[in-house]
Amino acid sequence: MQSIITLPATSGALAFDGEPSDAELDAVELEMPLILAEVDLLDVEIMTLDRPATVLDERRIRRARNRVMAARRDLTNRAGLTQAGGAA
């Protein structure tokens, strides 16, 4: 059996403190509307797992999917604006 030996970090930049950086937190905050829309879609889909989908359920799923697509579109457009700093 081989043993795993951890080596101490030789640099402060290599040390991981377990906390997300400010850039990672900003990225999560930017993606939060999409995350919430996907959670709502998942909730609606879970509601219809144990029973046949009614017309109202189909409408809820369709609306939740539309919210996910709108959130993806907004996130993509926002990301495109931040990267479009080139020549006009």
Protein backbone atom coordinates (compact mmCIF):
# COMPACT_ATOMS: atom_id res chain seq x y z
CA MET A 1 0.00 0.00 0.00
CA GLN A 2 1.36 3.38 -0.98
CA SER A 3 1.07 6.31 1.34
CA ILE A 4 0.22 9.79 0.14
CA ILE A 5 2.52 12.47 1.43
CA THR A 6 1.46 16.08 1.22
CA LEU A 7 4.12 18.66 0.71
CA PRO A 8 3.91 22.07 2.33
CA ALA A 9 3.25 24.97 0.01
CA THR A 10 6.45 26.74 -0.86
CA SER A 11 4.76 29.94 -1.90
CA GLY A 12 1.89 31.99 -0.58
CA ALA A 13 0.38 31.97 -4.06
CA LEU A 14 0.17 28.18 -4.00
CA ALA A 15 -1.56 28.01 -0.63
CA PHE A 16 -5.31 27.44 -0.81
CA ASP A 17 -7.26 28.76 2.13
CA GLY A 18 -10.57 27.15 1.12
CA GLU A 19 -12.37 30.43 0.48
CA PRO A 20 -13.47 31.65 -2.96
CA SER A 21 -11.69 34.66 -4.36
CA ASP A 22 -13.44 37.94 -5.07
CA ALA A 23 -13.38 37.17 -8.80
CA GLU A 24 -15.07 33.81 -8.21
CA LEU A 25 -17.74 35.43 -6.04
CA ASP A 26 -18.35 38.07 -8.72
CA ALA A 27 -18.74 35.34 -11.35
CA VAL A 28 -21.27 33.49 -9.19
CA GLU A 29 -23.18 36.72 -8.57
CA LEU A 30 -23.24 37.40 -12.31
CA GLU A 31 -24.64 33.90 -12.99
CA MET A 32 -27.15 33.96 -10.11
CA PRO A 33 -30.24 34.79 -12.24
CA LEU A 34 -29.49 31.79 -14.47
CA ILE A 35 -28.89 29.54 -11.46
CA LEU A 36 -32.20 30.56 -9.89
CA ALA A 37 -34.08 30.06 -13.17
CA GLU A 38 -32.59 26.56 -13.53
CA VAL A 39 -33.57 25.73 -9.94
CA ASP A 40 -37.14 26.87 -10.65
CA LEU A 41 -37.24 24.69 -13.77
CA LEU A 42 -35.98 21.72 -11.78
CA ASP A 43 -38.65 22.31 -9.12
CA VAL A 44 -41.38 22.34 -11.75
CA GLU A 45 -40.04 19.17 -13.36
CA ILE A 46 -39.83 17.42 -9.98
CA MET A 47 -43.49 18.27 -9.29
CA THR A 48 -44.53 16.33 -12.37
CA LEU A 49 -42.46 13.19 -11.74
CA ASP A 50 -45.04 11.20 -9.79
CA ARG A 51 -48.16 12.13 -11.75
CA PRO A 52 -49.19 12.81 -15.32
CA ALA A 53 -48.57 16.37 -16.42
CA THR A 54 -51.70 18.48 -16.69
CA VAL A 55 -52.17 21.43 -19.02
CA LEU A 56 -51.24 23.73 -16.14
CA ASP A 57 -48.07 21.72 -15.47
CA GLU A 58 -47.07 21.93 -19.13
CA ARG A 59 -47.58 25.68 -19.02
CA ARG A 60 -45.44 25.95 -15.87
CA ILE A 61 -42.65 23.92 -17.49
CA ARG A 62 -42.79 25.99 -20.67
CA ARG A 63 -42.62 29.24 -18.71
CA ALA A 64 -39.75 27.98 -16.58
CA ARG A 65 -37.84 26.91 -19.71
CA ASN A 66 -38.45 30.34 -21.23
CA ARG A 67 -37.05 31.99 -18.08
CA VAL A 68 -33.94 29.79 -18.30
CA MET A 69 -33.45 30.70 -21.96
CA ALA A 70 -33.91 34.40 -21.21
CA ALA A 71 -31.41 34.23 -18.35
CA ARG A 72 -28.89 32.44 -20.60
CA ARG A 73 -29.42 35.05 -23.32
CA ASP A 74 -28.91 37.91 -20.85
CA LEU A 75 -25.79 36.29 -19.40
CA THR A 76 -24.34 35.69 -22.87
CA ASN A 77 -25.08 39.26 -23.95
CA ARG A 78 -23.57 40.63 -20.75
CA ALA A 79 -20.43 38.52 -21.25
CA GLY A 80 -20.21 39.71 -24.87
CA LEU A 81 -20.36 43.34 -23.74
CA THR A 82 -17.45 42.89 -21.33
CA GLN A 83 -15.28 41.25 -24.01
CA ALA A 84 -16.17 43.65 -26.83
CA GLY A 85 -13.58 46.24 -25.85
CA GLY A 86 -11.68 45.90 -29.14
CA ALA A 87 -11.50 48.19 -32.15
CA ALA A 88 -14.78 49.47 -33.53
